[in-house]
Structure formats: structure tokens, C-alpha cells
PDB file of N, CA and C in Angstrom:
ATOM      1  N   UNK A   1       0.831  -1.150   0.000  1.00  0.00           N
ATOM      2  CA  UNK A   1       0.000   0.000   0.000  1.00  0.00           C
ATOM      3  C   UNK A   1       0.885   1.226   0.000  1.00  0.00           C
ATOM      4  N   UNK A   2       0.422   2.250  -0.684  1.00  0.00           N
ATOM      5  CA  UNK A   2       1.117   3.520  -0.747  1.00  0.00           C
ATOM      6  C   UNK A   2       0.092   4.580  -1.130  1.00  0.00           C
ATOM      7  N   UNK A   3       0.243   5.781  -0.641  1.00  0.00           N
ATOM      8  CA  UNK A   3      -0.658   6.872  -0.992  1.00  0.00           C
ATOM      9  C   UNK A   3       0.085   7.865  -1.878  1.00  0.00           C
ATOM     10  N   UNK A   4      -0.656   8.538  -2.734  1.00  0.00           N
ATOM     11  CA  UNK A   4      -0.055   9.559  -3.584  1.00  0.00           C
ATOM     12  C   UNK A   4      -0.881  10.833  -3.515  1.00  0.00           C
ATOM     13  N   UNK A   5      -0.295  11.931  -3.913  1.00  0.00           N
ATOM     14  CA  UNK A   5      -0.977  13.222  -3.878  1.00  0.00           C
ATOM     15  C   UNK A   5      -1.250  13.719  -5.295  1.00  0.00           C
ATOM     16  N   UNK A   6      -2.390  14.354  -5.469  1.00  0.00           N
ATOM     17  CA  UNK A   6      -2.731  15.037  -6.727  1.00  0.00           C
ATOM     18  C   UNK A   6      -2.673  14.144  -7.960  1.00  0.00           C
ATOM     19  N   UNK A   7      -3.080  12.893  -7.833  1.00  0.00           N
ATOM     20  CA  UNK A   7      -3.110  11.939  -8.951  1.00  0.00           C
ATOM     21  C   UNK A   7      -1.746  11.784  -9.619  1.00  0.00           C
ATOM     22  N   UNK A   8      -0.669  11.927  -8.834  1.00  0.00           N
ATOM     23  CA  UNK A   8       0.684  11.860  -9.368  1.00  0.00           C
ATOM     24  C   UNK A   8       1.576  11.200  -8.321  1.00  0.00           C
ATOM     25  N   UNK A   9       2.556  10.433  -8.760  1.00  0.00           N
ATOM     26  CA  UNK A   9       3.447   9.738  -7.835  1.00  0.00           C
ATOM     27  C   UNK A   9       4.648  10.589  -7.435  1.00  0.00           C
ATOM     28  N   UNK A  10       4.750  11.837  -7.926  1.00  0.00           N
ATOM     29  CA  UNK A  10       5.869  12.708  -7.555  1.00  0.00           C
ATOM     30  C   UNK A  10       5.904  12.931  -6.041  1.00  0.00           C
ATOM     31  N   UNK A  11       4.735  13.077  -5.425  1.00  0.00           N
ATOM     32  CA  UNK A  11       4.629  13.167  -3.969  1.00  0.00           C
ATOM     33  C   UNK A  11       3.863  11.935  -3.516  1.00  0.00           C
ATOM     34  N   UNK A  12       4.547  11.051  -2.772  1.00  0.00           N
ATOM     35  CA  UNK A  12       3.884   9.828  -2.334  1.00  0.00           C
ATOM     36  C   UNK A  12       4.308   9.511  -0.915  1.00  0.00           C
ATOM     37  N   UNK A  13       3.477   8.733  -0.258  1.00  0.00           N
ATOM     38  CA  UNK A  13       3.674   8.421   1.152  1.00  0.00           C
ATOM     39  C   UNK A  13       3.642   6.918   1.354  1.00  0.00           C
ATOM     40  N   UNK A  14       4.748   6.389   1.747  1.00  0.00           N
ATOM     41  CA  UNK A  14       4.870   4.981   2.063  1.00  0.00           C
ATOM     42  C   UNK A  14       5.461   4.872   3.453  1.00  0.00           C
ATOM     43  N   UNK A  15       6.205   3.860   3.677  1.00  0.00           N
ATOM     44  CA  UNK A  15       6.814   3.694   4.983  1.00  0.00           C
ATOM     45  C   UNK A  15       7.667   2.461   5.001  1.00  0.00           C
ATOM     46  N   UNK A  16       7.873   1.933   6.160  1.00  0.00           N
ATOM     47  CA  UNK A  16       8.608   0.678   6.263  1.00  0.00           C
ATOM     48  C   UNK A  16       7.769  -0.302   7.059  1.00  0.00           C
ATOM     49  N   UNK A  17       7.898  -1.545   6.732  1.00  0.00           N
ATOM     50  CA  UNK A  17       7.109  -2.554   7.432  1.00  0.00           C
ATOM     51  C   UNK A  17       7.483  -2.631   8.905  1.00  0.00           C
ATOM     52  N   UNK A  18       8.720  -2.291   9.269  1.00  0.00           N
ATOM     53  CA  UNK A  18       9.096  -2.325  10.685  1.00  0.00           C
ATOM     54  C   UNK A  18       8.340  -1.245  11.450  1.00  0.00           C
ATOM     55  N   UNK A  19       8.166  -0.059  10.870  1.00  0.00           N
ATOM     56  CA  UNK A  19       7.385   0.973  11.542  1.00  0.00           C
ATOM     57  C   UNK A  19       5.926   0.561  11.648  1.00  0.00           C
ATOM     58  N   UNK A  20       5.414  -0.075  10.613  1.00  0.00           N
ATOM     59  CA  UNK A  20       4.028  -0.536  10.640  1.00  0.00           C
ATOM     60  C   UNK A  20       3.804  -1.475  11.809  1.00  0.00           C
ATOM     61  N   UNK A  21       4.687  -2.466  12.001  1.00  0.00           N
ATOM     62  CA  UNK A  21       4.546  -3.433  13.089  1.00  0.00           C
ATOM     63  C   UNK A  21       4.714  -2.767  14.449  1.00  0.00           C
ATOM     64  N   UNK A  22       5.704  -1.886  14.577  1.00  0.00           N
ATOM     65  CA  UNK A  22       5.988  -1.248  15.860  1.00  0.00           C
ATOM     66  C   UNK A  22       4.856  -0.338  16.320  1.00  0.00           C
ATOM     67  N   UNK A  23       4.208   0.334  15.379  1.00  0.00           N
ATOM     68  CA  UNK A  23       3.194   1.307  15.750  1.00  0.00           C
ATOM     69  C   UNK A  23       1.776   0.748  15.684  1.00  0.00           C
ATOM     70  N   UNK A  24       1.630  -0.518  15.356  1.00  0.00           N
ATOM     71  CA  UNK A  24       0.336  -1.207  15.359  1.00  0.00           C
ATOM     72  C   UNK A  24      -0.742  -0.472  14.570  1.00  0.00           C
ATOM     73  N   UNK A  25      -0.528  -0.337  13.276  1.00  0.00           N
ATOM     74  CA  UNK A  25      -1.565   0.211  12.415  1.00  0.00           C
ATOM     75  C   UNK A  25      -1.318   1.644  12.001  1.00  0.00           C
ATOM     76  N   UNK A  26      -0.155   2.176  12.324  1.00  0.00           N
ATOM     77  CA  UNK A  26       0.148   3.535  11.887  1.00  0.00           C
ATOM     78  C   UNK A  26       1.621   3.578  11.530  1.00  0.00           C
ATOM     79  N   UNK A  27       1.957   4.320  10.518  1.00  0.00           N
ATOM     80  CA  UNK A  27       3.368   4.408  10.169  1.00  0.00           C
ATOM     81  C   UNK A  27       3.684   5.808   9.675  1.00  0.00           C
ATOM     82  N   UNK A  28       4.895   6.220   9.931  1.00  0.00           N
ATOM     83  CA  UNK A  28       5.319   7.570   9.591  1.00  0.00           C
ATOM     84  C   UNK A  28       5.511   7.711   8.092  1.00  0.00           C
ATOM     85  N   UNK A  29       5.406   8.911   7.643  1.00  0.00           N
ATOM     86  CA  UNK A  29       5.549   9.242   6.227  1.00  0.00           C
ATOM     87  C   UNK A  29       7.016   9.246   5.824  1.00  0.00           C
ATOM     88  N   UNK A  30       7.276   8.674   4.685  1.00  0.00           N
ATOM     89  CA  UNK A  30       8.566   8.774   4.031  1.00  0.00           C
ATOM     90  C   UNK A  30       8.294   9.111   2.582  1.00  0.00           C
ATOM     91  N   UNK A  31       8.651  10.302   2.140  1.00  0.00           N
ATOM     92  CA  UNK A  31       8.471  10.626   0.723  1.00  0.00           C
ATOM     93  C   UNK A  31       9.234   9.606  -0.096  1.00  0.00           C
ATOM     94  N   UNK A  32       8.530   8.980  -1.017  1.00  0.00           N
ATOM     95  CA  UNK A  32       9.152   7.964  -1.840  1.00  0.00           C
ATOM     96  C   UNK A  32       9.458   6.683  -1.094  1.00  0.00           C
ATOM     97  N   UNK A  33       8.855   6.492   0.075  1.00  0.00           N
ATOM     98  CA  UNK A  33       9.106   5.303   0.886  1.00  0.00           C
ATOM     99  C   UNK A  33       8.621   4.028   0.219  1.00  0.00           C
ATOM    100  N   UNK A  34       8.948   2.926   0.850  1.00  0.00           N
ATOM    101  CA  UNK A  34       8.555   1.616   0.337  1.00  0.00           C
ATOM    102  C   UNK A  34       7.046   1.414   0.419  1.00  0.00           C
ATOM    103  N   UNK A  35       6.564   0.460  -0.381  1.00  0.00           N
ATOM    104  CA  UNK A  35       5.188   0.004  -0.209  1.00  0.00           C
ATOM    105  C   UNK A  35       5.093  -0.694   1.139  1.00  0.00           C
ATOM    106  N   UNK A  36       3.954  -0.600   1.785  1.00  0.00           N
ATOM    107  CA  UNK A  36       3.734  -1.264   3.058  1.00  0.00           C
ATOM    108  C   UNK A  36       2.825  -2.454   2.816  1.00  0.00           C
ATOM    109  N   UNK A  37       3.215  -3.614   3.303  1.00  0.00           N
ATOM    110  CA  UNK A  37       2.431  -4.832   3.112  1.00  0.00           C
ATOM    111  C   UNK A  37       1.271  -4.845   4.096  1.00  0.00           C
ATOM    112  N   UNK A  38       0.066  -4.988   3.552  1.00  0.00           N
ATOM    113  CA  UNK A  38      -1.130  -5.119   4.384  1.00  0.00           C
ATOM    114  C   UNK A  38      -1.923  -6.318   3.891  1.00  0.00           C
ATOM    115  N   UNK A  39      -2.677  -6.916   4.772  1.00  0.00           N
ATOM    116  CA  UNK A  39      -3.531  -8.044   4.400  1.00  0.00           C
ATOM    117  C   UNK A  39      -4.672  -7.556   3.531  1.00  0.00           C
ATOM    118  N   UNK A  40      -5.132  -8.409   2.638  1.00  0.00           N
ATOM    119  CA  UNK A  40      -6.281  -8.068   1.801  1.00  0.00           C
ATOM    120  C   UNK A  40      -7.476  -7.772   2.689  1.00  0.00           C
ATOM    121  N   UNK A  41      -8.270  -6.808   2.300  1.00  0.00           N
ATOM    122  CA  UNK A  41      -9.449  -6.466   3.078  1.00  0.00           C
ATOM    123  C   UNK A  41      -9.926  -5.069   2.766  1.00  0.00           C
ATOM    124  N   UNK A  42     -10.878  -4.607   3.550  1.00  0.00           N
ATOM    125  CA  UNK A  42     -11.439  -3.266   3.418  1.00  0.00           C
ATOM    126  C   UNK A  42     -10.992  -2.459   4.621  1.00  0.00           C
ATOM    127  N   UNK A  43     -10.455  -1.262   4.364  1.00  0.00           N
ATOM    128  CA  UNK A  43      -9.899  -0.442   5.420  1.00  0.00           C
ATOM    129  C   UNK A  43     -10.455   0.972   5.386  1.00  0.00           C
ATOM    130  N   UNK A  44     -10.529   1.581   6.552  1.00  0.00           N
ATOM    131  CA  UNK A  44     -10.749   3.018   6.678  1.00  0.00           C
ATOM    132  C   UNK A  44      -9.344   3.606   6.802  1.00  0.00           C
ATOM    133  N   UNK A  45      -9.007   4.552   5.925  1.00  0.00           N
ATOM    134  CA  UNK A  45      -7.674   5.139   5.919  1.00  0.00           C
ATOM    135  C   UNK A  45      -7.765   6.576   6.387  1.00  0.00           C
ATOM    136  N   UNK A  46      -6.940   6.911   7.369  1.00  0.00           N
ATOM    137  CA  UNK A  46      -6.883   8.270   7.907  1.00  0.00           C
ATOM    138  C   UNK A  46      -5.475   8.793   7.683  1.00  0.00           C
ATOM    139  N   UNK A  47      -5.346   9.922   6.985  1.00  0.00           N
ATOM    140  CA  UNK A  47      -4.049  10.524   6.728  1.00  0.00           C
ATOM    141  C   UNK A  47      -4.012  11.891   7.380  1.00  0.00           C
ATOM    142  N   UNK A  48      -3.023  12.122   8.232  1.00  0.00           N
ATOM    143  CA  UNK A  48      -2.860  13.412   8.890  1.00  0.00           C
ATOM    144  C   UNK A  48      -1.823  14.201   8.103  1.00  0.00           C
ATOM    145  N   UNK A  49      -2.270  15.234   7.401  1.00  0.00           N
ATOM    146  CA  UNK A  49      -1.348  15.982   6.550  1.00  0.00           C
ATOM    147  C   UNK A  49      -0.413  16.896   7.335  1.00  0.00           C
ATOM    148  N   UNK A  50      -0.652  17.087   8.623  1.00  0.00           N
ATOM    149  CA  UNK A  50       0.250  17.887   9.450  1.00  0.00           C
ATOM    150  C   UNK A  50       1.414  17.048   9.986  1.00  0.00           C
ATOM    151  N   UNK A  51       1.101  15.859  10.512  1.00  0.00           N
ATOM    152  CA  UNK A  51       2.148  15.006  11.079  1.00  0.00           C
ATOM    153  C   UNK A  51       2.674  13.992  10.066  1.00  0.00           C
ATOM    154  N   UNK A  52       1.959  13.824   8.946  1.00  0.00           N
ATOM    155  CA  UNK A  52       2.321  12.865   7.895  1.00  0.00           C
ATOM    156  C   UNK A  52       2.252  11.425   8.373  1.00  0.00           C
ATOM    157  N   UNK A  53       1.270  11.123   9.227  1.00  0.00           N
ATOM    158  CA  UNK A  53       1.045   9.753   9.678  1.00  0.00           C
ATOM    159  C   UNK A  53      -0.198   9.189   8.990  1.00  0.00           C
ATOM    160  N   UNK A  54      -0.157   7.903   8.743  1.00  0.00           N
ATOM    161  CA  UNK A  54      -1.256   7.179   8.119  1.00  0.00           C
ATOM    162  C   UNK A  54      -1.744   6.150   9.133  1.00  0.00           C
ATOM    163  N   UNK A  55      -3.065   6.069   9.291  1.00  0.00           N
ATOM    164  CA  UNK A  55      -3.660   5.084  10.178  1.00  0.00           C
ATOM    165  C   UNK A  55      -4.647   4.256   9.372  1.00  0.00           C
ATOM    166  N   UNK A  56      -4.546   2.938   9.476  1.00  0.00           N
ATOM    167  CA  UNK A  56      -5.477   2.020   8.819  1.00  0.00           C
ATOM    168  C   UNK A  56      -6.308   1.321   9.888  1.00  0.00           C
ATOM    169  N   UNK A  57      -7.597   1.286   9.692  1.00  0.00           N
ATOM    170  CA  UNK A  57      -8.483   0.542  10.577  1.00  0.00           C
ATOM    171  C   UNK A  57      -9.268  -0.444   9.721  1.00  0.00           C
ATOM    172  N   UNK A  58      -9.179  -1.717  10.039  1.00  0.00           N
ATOM    173  CA  UNK A  58      -9.927  -2.727   9.301  1.00  0.00           C
ATOM    174  C   UNK A  58     -11.406  -2.540   9.555  1.00  0.00           C
ATOM    175  N   UNK A  59     -12.192  -2.622   8.490  1.00  0.00           N
ATOM    176  CA  UNK A  59     -13.652  -2.482   8.633  1.00  0.00           C
ATOM    177  C   UNK A  59     -14.296  -3.821   8.836  1.00  0.00           C
TER     178      UNK A  59
END
């Protein structure tokens, strides 16, 4: 999983799988970061544009 801004990959938000595991469902922003592995499913995604954190909640 990875997020992008303005329908373009020039600005994108990924992370590292180690941060994903450590923070239990939230990972810090890394411009151009790696894709984050998530299990297949439906998620509510919350992106904080001030802190650049992404939170996934399984629905």
C-alpha cells in the first residue's frame, strides 16, 4: 500500500514494514518510501497531513 498526492506519484507516502509493526496500524511518512504490506481487506484510511502519519483501521 502507498498513498499519492494530486493523482501523481511525484509526492507519495509509504513507509517501512518495521514501523508498521511497531506502531500497530500507523506508520510515519517517508516521501518515496517503500510500499507497506497489508492483508487483503477493506480499510478506513486516515491521513494526517500535518504530522504525515497514516492510520489504517480494518472495517
